Amino acid sequence: MEVAVVKIGNSKGIRLSKTLLEKYDIKGSVNLILEDDQIIIKALSKPRQGWGEAFKQMNDNRDDHLLMDDVFEDENLEEWT
C-alpha cells in the first residue's frame, strides 16, 4: 500500500486510514520496529488489560485464595533476617 509522507507541524508523517486503525486495533501509541531496511508499525499490546476487574470479581466470588502455601516446610526463615 502506498501512502504519502505529509508535513505535520515541523515534522513529517503518514496518515493511516480508519479501516487500518480499526482492523489492527491501533489506539494511541504504536511500537515502531526498525528491522533491516523496513519500518514495522505494530499495535501496542496490553496483556494486563482487564486484570483489575477480574481480580475484583475473584474477590467478590471468594475465589482469590493461594494455590500453594507461601511458606514451605523446609524453608529457613533465618537467612532472610
PDB file of N, CA and C in Angstrom:
ATOM      1  N   MET A   1       0.853  -1.170   0.000  1.00  0.00           N
ATOM      2  CA  MET A   1       0.000   0.000   0.000  1.00  0.00           C
ATOM      3  C   MET A   1       0.897   1.231   0.000  1.00  0.00           C
ATOM      4  N   GLU A   2       0.654   2.119  -0.908  1.00  0.00           N
ATOM      5  CA  GLU A   2       1.440   3.340  -0.997  1.00  0.00           C
ATOM      6  C   GLU A   2       0.701   4.467  -0.282  1.00  0.00           C
ATOM      7  N   VAL A   3       1.433   5.179   0.583  1.00  0.00           N
ATOM      8  CA  VAL A   3       0.864   6.337   1.279  1.00  0.00           C
ATOM      9  C   VAL A   3       1.836   7.498   1.136  1.00  0.00           C
ATOM     10  N   ALA A   4       1.314   8.702   1.192  1.00  0.00           N
ATOM     11  CA  ALA A   4       2.134   9.904   1.065  1.00  0.00           C
ATOM     12  C   ALA A   4       2.708  10.298   2.413  1.00  0.00           C
ATOM     13  N   VAL A   5       3.912  10.828   2.384  1.00  0.00           N
ATOM     14  CA  VAL A   5       4.524  11.427   3.572  1.00  0.00           C
ATOM     15  C   VAL A   5       4.091  12.882   3.572  1.00  0.00           C
ATOM     16  N   VAL A   6       3.460  13.317   4.672  1.00  0.00           N
ATOM     17  CA  VAL A   6       2.888  14.664   4.727  1.00  0.00           C
ATOM     18  C   VAL A   6       3.533  15.464   5.858  1.00  0.00           C
ATOM     19  N   LYS A   7       3.488  16.773   5.722  1.00  0.00           N
ATOM     20  CA  LYS A   7       4.022  17.672   6.752  1.00  0.00           C
ATOM     21  C   LYS A   7       3.038  17.722   7.914  1.00  0.00           C
ATOM     22  N   ILE A   8       3.571  17.532   9.127  1.00  0.00           N
ATOM     23  CA  ILE A   8       2.779  17.634  10.352  1.00  0.00           C
ATOM     24  C   ILE A   8       3.580  18.528  11.294  1.00  0.00           C
ATOM     25  N   GLY A   9       3.216  19.801  11.371  1.00  0.00           N
ATOM     26  CA  GLY A   9       3.987  20.756  12.169  1.00  0.00           C
ATOM     27  C   GLY A   9       5.385  20.881  11.597  1.00  0.00           C
ATOM     28  N   ASN A  10       6.413  20.715  12.445  1.00  0.00           N
ATOM     29  CA  ASN A  10       7.801  20.762  11.985  1.00  0.00           C
ATOM     30  C   ASN A  10       8.306  19.402  11.534  1.00  0.00           C
ATOM     31  N   SER A  11       7.454  18.394  11.622  1.00  0.00           N
ATOM     32  CA  SER A  11       7.848  17.025  11.279  1.00  0.00           C
ATOM     33  C   SER A  11       7.120  16.561  10.041  1.00  0.00           C
ATOM     34  N   LYS A  12       7.319  15.309   9.708  1.00  0.00           N
ATOM     35  CA  LYS A  12       6.580  14.672   8.625  1.00  0.00           C
ATOM     36  C   LYS A  12       6.060  13.342   9.148  1.00  0.00           C
ATOM     37  N   GLY A  13       4.976  12.889   8.540  1.00  0.00           N
ATOM     38  CA  GLY A  13       4.397  11.641   8.985  1.00  0.00           C
ATOM     39  C   GLY A  13       3.544  11.021   7.902  1.00  0.00           C
ATOM     40  N   ILE A  14       2.921   9.906   8.231  1.00  0.00           N
ATOM     41  CA  ILE A  14       1.990   9.269   7.315  1.00  0.00           C
ATOM     42  C   ILE A  14       0.630   9.187   7.992  1.00  0.00           C
ATOM     43  N   ARG A  15      -0.418   9.149   7.199  1.00  0.00           N
ATOM     44  CA  ARG A  15      -1.768   9.013   7.734  1.00  0.00           C
ATOM     45  C   ARG A  15      -2.214   7.578   7.526  1.00  0.00           C
ATOM     46  N   LEU A  16      -2.816   7.001   8.564  1.00  0.00           N
ATOM     47  CA  LEU A  16      -3.379   5.658   8.454  1.00  0.00           C
ATOM     48  C   LEU A  16      -4.894   5.785   8.382  1.00  0.00           C
ATOM     49  N   SER A  17      -5.495   5.032   7.497  1.00  0.00           N
ATOM     50  CA  SER A  17      -6.941   5.108   7.329  1.00  0.00           C
ATOM     51  C   SER A  17      -7.668   4.548   8.546  1.00  0.00           C
ATOM     52  N   LYS A  18      -8.890   4.971   8.720  1.00  0.00           N
ATOM     53  CA  LYS A  18      -9.721   4.483   9.813  1.00  0.00           C
ATOM     54  C   LYS A  18      -9.854   2.960   9.735  1.00  0.00           C
ATOM     55  N   THR A  19      -9.947   2.442   8.522  1.00  0.00           N
ATOM     56  CA  THR A  19     -10.071   0.994   8.330  1.00  0.00           C
ATOM     57  C   THR A  19      -8.862   0.251   8.890  1.00  0.00           C
ATOM     58  N   LEU A  20      -7.664   0.754   8.590  1.00  0.00           N
ATOM     59  CA  LEU A  20      -6.447   0.119   9.113  1.00  0.00           C
ATOM     60  C   LEU A  20      -6.375   0.223  10.636  1.00  0.00           C
ATOM     61  N   LEU A  21      -6.705   1.396  11.156  1.00  0.00           N
ATOM     62  CA  LEU A  21      -6.656   1.591  12.611  1.00  0.00           C
ATOM     63  C   LEU A  21      -7.593   0.623  13.321  1.00  0.00           C
ATOM     64  N   GLU A  22      -8.785   0.434  12.778  1.00  0.00           N
ATOM     65  CA  GLU A  22      -9.742  -0.485  13.390  1.00  0.00           C
ATOM     66  C   GLU A  22      -9.328  -1.940  13.206  1.00  0.00           C
ATOM     67  N   LYS A  23      -8.888  -2.294  12.001  1.00  0.00           N
ATOM     68  CA  LYS A  23      -8.517  -3.680  11.706  1.00  0.00           C
ATOM     69  C   LYS A  23      -7.391  -4.166  12.610  1.00  0.00           C
ATOM     70  N   TYR A  24      -6.398  -3.303  12.863  1.00  0.00           N
ATOM     71  CA  TYR A  24      -5.240  -3.700  13.665  1.00  0.00           C
ATOM     72  C   TYR A  24      -5.308  -3.185  15.093  1.00  0.00           C
ATOM     73  N   ASP A  25      -6.474  -2.692  15.490  1.00  0.00           N
ATOM     74  CA  ASP A  25      -6.726  -2.233  16.861  1.00  0.00           C
ATOM     75  C   ASP A  25      -5.651  -1.253  17.335  1.00  0.00           C
ATOM     76  N   ILE A  26      -5.384  -0.248  16.508  1.00  0.00           N
ATOM     77  CA  ILE A  26      -4.383   0.766  16.840  1.00  0.00           C
ATOM     78  C   ILE A  26      -5.088   1.941  17.499  1.00  0.00           C
ATOM     79  N   LYS A  27      -4.710   2.188  18.763  1.00  0.00           N
ATOM     80  CA  LYS A  27      -5.271   3.299  19.536  1.00  0.00           C
ATOM     81  C   LYS A  27      -4.117   3.972  20.265  1.00  0.00           C
ATOM     82  N   GLY A  28      -4.010   5.258  20.138  1.00  0.00           N
ATOM     83  CA  GLY A  28      -2.951   5.967  20.860  1.00  0.00           C
ATOM     84  C   GLY A  28      -1.582   5.665  20.289  1.00  0.00           C
ATOM     85  N   SER A  29      -0.721   5.048  21.071  1.00  0.00           N
ATOM     86  CA  SER A  29       0.667   4.804  20.679  1.00  0.00           C
ATOM     87  C   SER A  29       0.824   3.471  19.948  1.00  0.00           C
ATOM     88  N   VAL A  30       1.896   3.393  19.175  1.00  0.00           N
ATOM     89  CA  VAL A  30       2.264   2.162  18.480  1.00  0.00           C
ATOM     90  C   VAL A  30       3.724   1.852  18.765  1.00  0.00           C
ATOM     91  N   ASN A  31       4.140   0.662  18.443  1.00  0.00           N
ATOM     92  CA  ASN A  31       5.527   0.266  18.575  1.00  0.00           C
ATOM     93  C   ASN A  31       6.145   0.266  17.181  1.00  0.00           C
ATOM     94  N   LEU A  32       7.247   0.998  16.993  1.00  0.00           N
ATOM     95  CA  LEU A  32       7.961   1.001  15.722  1.00  0.00           C
ATOM     96  C   LEU A  32       9.136   0.045  15.829  1.00  0.00           C
ATOM     97  N   ILE A  33       9.206  -0.881  14.895  1.00  0.00           N
ATOM     98  CA  ILE A  33      10.304  -1.849  14.862  1.00  0.00           C
ATOM     99  C   ILE A  33      11.138  -1.540  13.627  1.00  0.00           C
ATOM    100  N   LEU A  34      12.416  -1.248  13.824  1.00  0.00           N
ATOM    101  CA  LEU A  34      13.331  -0.956  12.727  1.00  0.00           C
ATOM    102  C   LEU A  34      14.123  -2.233  12.455  1.00  0.00           C
ATOM    103  N   GLU A  35      13.852  -2.840  11.311  1.00  0.00           N
ATOM    104  CA  GLU A  35      14.417  -4.151  11.019  1.00  0.00           C
ATOM    105  C   GLU A  35      14.881  -4.184   9.568  1.00  0.00           C
ATOM    106  N   ASP A  36      16.133  -4.518   9.367  1.00  0.00           N
ATOM    107  CA  ASP A  36      16.723  -4.495   8.026  1.00  0.00           C
ATOM    108  C   ASP A  36      16.477  -3.116   7.421  1.00  0.00           C
ATOM    109  N   ASP A  37      15.867  -3.036   6.290  1.00  0.00           N
ATOM    110  CA  ASP A  37      15.555  -1.738   5.674  1.00  0.00           C
ATOM    111  C   ASP A  37      14.068  -1.460   5.741  1.00  0.00           C
ATOM    112  N   GLN A  38      13.428  -1.857   6.849  1.00  0.00           N
ATOM    113  CA  GLN A  38      11.982  -1.722   6.991  1.00  0.00           C
ATOM    114  C   GLN A  38      11.624  -1.017   8.294  1.00  0.00           C
ATOM    115  N   ILE A  39      10.491  -0.369   8.283  1.00  0.00           N
ATOM    116  CA  ILE A  39       9.887   0.165   9.499  1.00  0.00           C
ATOM    117  C   ILE A  39       8.568  -0.582   9.664  1.00  0.00           C
ATOM    118  N   ILE A  40       8.444  -1.305  10.762  1.00  0.00           N
ATOM    119  CA  ILE A  40       7.226  -2.073  11.034  1.00  0.00           C
ATOM    120  C   ILE A  40       6.445  -1.339  12.109  1.00  0.00           C
ATOM    121  N   ILE A  41       5.177  -1.060  11.837  1.00  0.00           N
ATOM    122  CA  ILE A  41       4.293  -0.407  12.809  1.00  0.00           C
ATOM    123  C   ILE A  41       3.441  -1.492  13.429  1.00  0.00           C
ATOM    124  N   LYS A  42       3.517  -1.613  14.751  1.00  0.00           N
ATOM    125  CA  LYS A  42       2.802  -2.682  15.446  1.00  0.00           C
ATOM    126  C   LYS A  42       1.976  -2.079  16.582  1.00  0.00           C
ATOM    127  N   ALA A  43       0.724  -2.497  16.672  1.00  0.00           N
ATOM    128  CA  ALA A  43      -0.133  -2.030  17.764  1.00  0.00           C
ATOM    129  C   ALA A  43       0.468  -2.475  19.094  1.00  0.00           C
ATOM    130  N   LEU A  44       0.395  -1.608  20.098  1.00  0.00           N
ATOM    131  CA  LEU A  44       0.876  -1.975  21.426  1.00  0.00           C
ATOM    132  C   LEU A  44      -0.106  -2.949  22.050  1.00  0.00           C
ATOM    133  N   SER A  45       0.427  -4.042  22.565  1.00  0.00           N
ATOM    134  CA  SER A  45      -0.456  -4.982  23.248  1.00  0.00           C
ATOM    135  C   SER A  45      -0.530  -4.600  24.720  1.00  0.00           C
ATOM    136  N   LYS A  46      -1.653  -4.850  25.311  1.00  0.00           N
ATOM    137  CA  LYS A  46      -1.854  -4.568  26.731  1.00  0.00           C
ATOM    138  C   LYS A  46      -2.295  -5.864  27.401  1.00  0.00           C
ATOM    139  N   PRO A  47      -1.319  -6.748  27.688  1.00  0.00           N
ATOM    140  CA  PRO A  47      -1.666  -8.077  28.194  1.00  0.00           C
ATOM    141  C   PRO A  47      -2.365  -8.080  29.550  1.00  0.00           C
ATOM    142  N   ARG A  48      -2.202  -7.026  30.333  1.00  0.00           N
ATOM    143  CA  ARG A  48      -2.824  -6.993  31.661  1.00  0.00           C
ATOM    144  C   ARG A  48      -4.130  -6.203  31.680  1.00  0.00           C
ATOM    145  N   GLN A  49      -4.569  -5.773  30.507  1.00  0.00           N
ATOM    146  CA  GLN A  49      -5.809  -5.015  30.443  1.00  0.00           C
ATOM    147  C   GLN A  49      -6.958  -5.884  30.952  1.00  0.00           C
ATOM    148  N   GLY A  50      -7.745  -5.337  31.853  1.00  0.00           N
ATOM    149  CA  GLY A  50      -8.884  -6.061  32.406  1.00  0.00           C
ATOM    150  C   GLY A  50      -8.571  -6.867  33.652  1.00  0.00           C
ATOM    151  N   TRP A  51      -7.292  -6.924  34.046  1.00  0.00           N
ATOM    152  CA  TRP A  51      -6.934  -7.710  35.221  1.00  0.00           C
ATOM    153  C   TRP A  51      -7.570  -7.155  36.488  1.00  0.00           C
ATOM    154  N   GLY A  52      -7.625  -5.836  36.613  1.00  0.00           N
ATOM    155  CA  GLY A  52      -8.188  -5.234  37.824  1.00  0.00           C
ATOM    156  C   GLY A  52      -9.613  -5.694  38.063  1.00  0.00           C
ATOM    157  N   GLU A  53     -10.432  -5.657  37.028  1.00  0.00           N
ATOM    158  CA  GLU A  53     -11.826  -6.098  37.142  1.00  0.00           C
ATOM    159  C   GLU A  53     -11.898  -7.599  37.416  1.00  0.00           C
ATOM    160  N   ALA A  54     -11.009  -8.368  36.775  1.00  0.00           N
ATOM    161  CA  ALA A  54     -11.005  -9.815  37.000  1.00  0.00           C
ATOM    162  C   ALA A  54     -10.645 -10.138  38.450  1.00  0.00           C
ATOM    163  N   PHE A  55      -9.663  -9.419  39.016  1.00  0.00           N
ATOM    164  CA  PHE A  55      -9.288  -9.649  40.415  1.00  0.00           C
ATOM    165  C   PHE A  55     -10.424  -9.262  41.358  1.00  0.00           C
ATOM    166  N   LYS A  56     -11.092  -8.167  41.053  1.00  0.00           N
ATOM    167  CA  LYS A  56     -12.226  -7.756  41.878  1.00  0.00           C
ATOM    168  C   LYS A  56     -13.322  -8.815  41.849  1.00  0.00           C
ATOM    169  N   GLN A  57     -13.594  -9.351  40.669  1.00  0.00           N
ATOM    170  CA  GLN A  57     -14.619 -10.380  40.547  1.00  0.00           C
ATOM    171  C   GLN A  57     -14.209 -11.652  41.306  1.00  0.00           C
ATOM    172  N   MET A  58     -12.925 -12.015  41.251  1.00  0.00           N
ATOM    173  CA  MET A  58     -12.445 -13.166  42.015  1.00  0.00           C
ATOM    174  C   MET A  58     -12.665 -12.936  43.504  1.00  0.00           C
ATOM    175  N   ASN A  59     -12.370 -11.711  43.974  1.00  0.00           N
ATOM    176  CA  ASN A  59     -12.569 -11.400  45.379  1.00  0.00           C
ATOM    177  C   ASN A  59     -14.042 -11.463  45.749  1.00  0.00           C
ATOM    178  N   ASP A  60     -14.895 -10.905  44.904  1.00  0.00           N
ATOM    179  CA  ASP A  60     -16.330 -10.937  45.163  1.00  0.00           C
ATOM    180  C   ASP A  60     -16.854 -12.371  45.235  1.00  0.00           C
ATOM    181  N   ASN A  61     -16.252 -13.276  44.427  1.00  0.00           N
ATOM    182  CA  ASN A  61     -16.664 -14.675  44.419  1.00  0.00           C
ATOM    183  C   ASN A  61     -15.939 -15.509  45.478  1.00  0.00           C
ATOM    184  N   ARG A  62     -15.088 -14.844  46.268  1.00  0.00           N
ATOM    185  CA  ARG A  62     -14.255 -15.509  47.280  1.00  0.00           C
ATOM    186  C   ARG A  62     -13.409 -16.624  46.659  1.00  0.00           C
ATOM    187  N   ASP A  63     -12.881 -16.331  45.484  1.00  0.00           N
ATOM    188  CA  ASP A  63     -12.080 -17.298  44.751  1.00  0.00           C
ATOM    189  C   ASP A  63     -10.622 -16.869  44.668  1.00  0.00           C
ATOM    190  N   ASP A  64     -10.230 -15.919  45.510  1.00  0.00           N
ATOM    191  CA  ASP A  64      -8.865 -15.401  45.464  1.00  0.00           C
ATOM    192  C   ASP A  64      -8.021 -15.954  46.605  1.00  0.00           C
ATOM    193  N   HIS A  65      -7.853 -17.270  46.614  1.00  0.00           N
ATOM    194  CA  HIS A  65      -7.058 -17.912  47.661  1.00  0.00           C
ATOM    195  C   HIS A  65      -5.745 -18.415  47.076  1.00  0.00           C
ATOM    196  N   LEU A  66      -4.752 -18.652  47.935  1.00  0.00           N
ATOM    197  CA  LEU A  66      -3.457 -19.138  47.483  1.00  0.00           C
ATOM    198  C   LEU A  66      -3.584 -20.557  46.946  1.00  0.00           C
ATOM    199  N   LEU A  67      -2.886 -20.847  45.882  1.00  0.00           N
ATOM    200  CA  LEU A  67      -2.886 -22.193  45.323  1.00  0.00           C
ATOM    201  C   LEU A  67      -1.839 -23.074  45.980  1.00  0.00           C
ATOM    202  N   MET A  68      -0.874 -22.432  46.640  1.00  0.00           N
ATOM    203  CA  MET A  68       0.145 -23.171  47.384  1.00  0.00           C
ATOM    204  C   MET A  68       0.552 -22.342  48.594  1.00  0.00           C
ATOM    205  N   ASP A  69       1.077 -23.011  49.602  1.00  0.00           N
ATOM    206  CA  ASP A  69       1.485 -22.312  50.818  1.00  0.00           C
ATOM    207  C   ASP A  69       2.566 -21.285  50.495  1.00  0.00           C
ATOM    208  N   ASP A  70       2.555 -20.169  51.223  1.00  0.00           N
ATOM    209  CA  ASP A  70       3.577 -19.146  50.995  1.00  0.00           C
ATOM    210  C   ASP A  70       4.833 -19.406  51.810  1.00  0.00           C
ATOM    211  N   VAL A  71       4.814 -20.385  52.722  1.00  0.00           N
ATOM    212  CA  VAL A  71       5.991 -20.809  53.473  1.00  0.00           C
ATOM    213  C   VAL A  71       6.082 -22.319  53.347  1.00  0.00           C
ATOM    214  N   PHE A  72       7.264 -22.813  52.997  1.00  0.00           N
ATOM    215  CA  PHE A  72       7.457 -24.241  52.817  1.00  0.00           C
ATOM    216  C   PHE A  72       8.047 -24.857  54.075  1.00  0.00           C
ATOM    217  N   GLU A  73       7.807 -26.148  54.277  1.00  0.00           N
ATOM    218  CA  GLU A  73       8.267 -26.840  55.481  1.00  0.00           C
ATOM    219  C   GLU A  73       9.786 -26.768  55.650  1.00  0.00           C
ATOM    220  N   ASP A  74      10.525 -26.847  54.552  1.00  0.00           N
ATOM    221  CA  ASP A  74      11.982 -26.864  54.639  1.00  0.00           C
ATOM    222  C   ASP A  74      12.620 -25.483  54.474  1.00  0.00           C
ATOM    223  N   GLU A  75      11.815 -24.446  54.535  1.00  0.00           N
ATOM    224  CA  GLU A  75      12.338 -23.099  54.324  1.00  0.00           C
ATOM    225  C   GLU A  75      13.027 -22.597  55.589  1.00  0.00           C
ATOM    226  N   ASN A  76      14.200 -21.984  55.417  1.00  0.00           N
ATOM    227  CA  ASN A  76      14.956 -21.434  56.537  1.00  0.00           C
ATOM    228  C   ASN A  76      14.704 -19.940  56.586  1.00  0.00           C
ATOM    229  N   LEU A  77      13.817 -19.511  57.493  1.00  0.00           N
ATOM    230  CA  LEU A  77      13.446 -18.096  57.571  1.00  0.00           C
ATOM    231  C   LEU A  77      14.554 -17.230  58.173  1.00  0.00           C
ATOM    232  N   GLU A  78      15.510 -17.843  58.882  1.00  0.00           N
ATOM    233  CA  GLU A  78      16.600 -17.067  59.499  1.00  0.00           C
ATOM    234  C   GLU A  78      17.510 -16.432  58.457  1.00  0.00           C
ATOM    235  N   GLU A  79      17.620 -17.039  57.288  1.00  0.00           N
ATOM    236  CA  GLU A  79      18.522 -16.475  56.293  1.00  0.00           C
ATOM    237  C   GLU A  79      17.980 -15.174  55.693  1.00  0.00           C
ATOM    238  N   TRP A  80      16.741 -14.815  55.979  1.00  0.00           N
ATOM    239  CA  TRP A  80      16.146 -13.577  55.492  1.00  0.00           C
ATOM    240  C   TRP A  80      16.236 -12.442  56.514  1.00  0.00           C
ATOM    241  N   THR A  81      16.739 -12.729  57.689  1.00  0.00           N
ATOM    242  CA  THR A  81      16.820 -11.681  58.727  1.00  0.00           C
ATOM    243  C   THR A  81      18.222 -11.147  58.871  1.00  0.00           C
TER     244      THR A  81
END
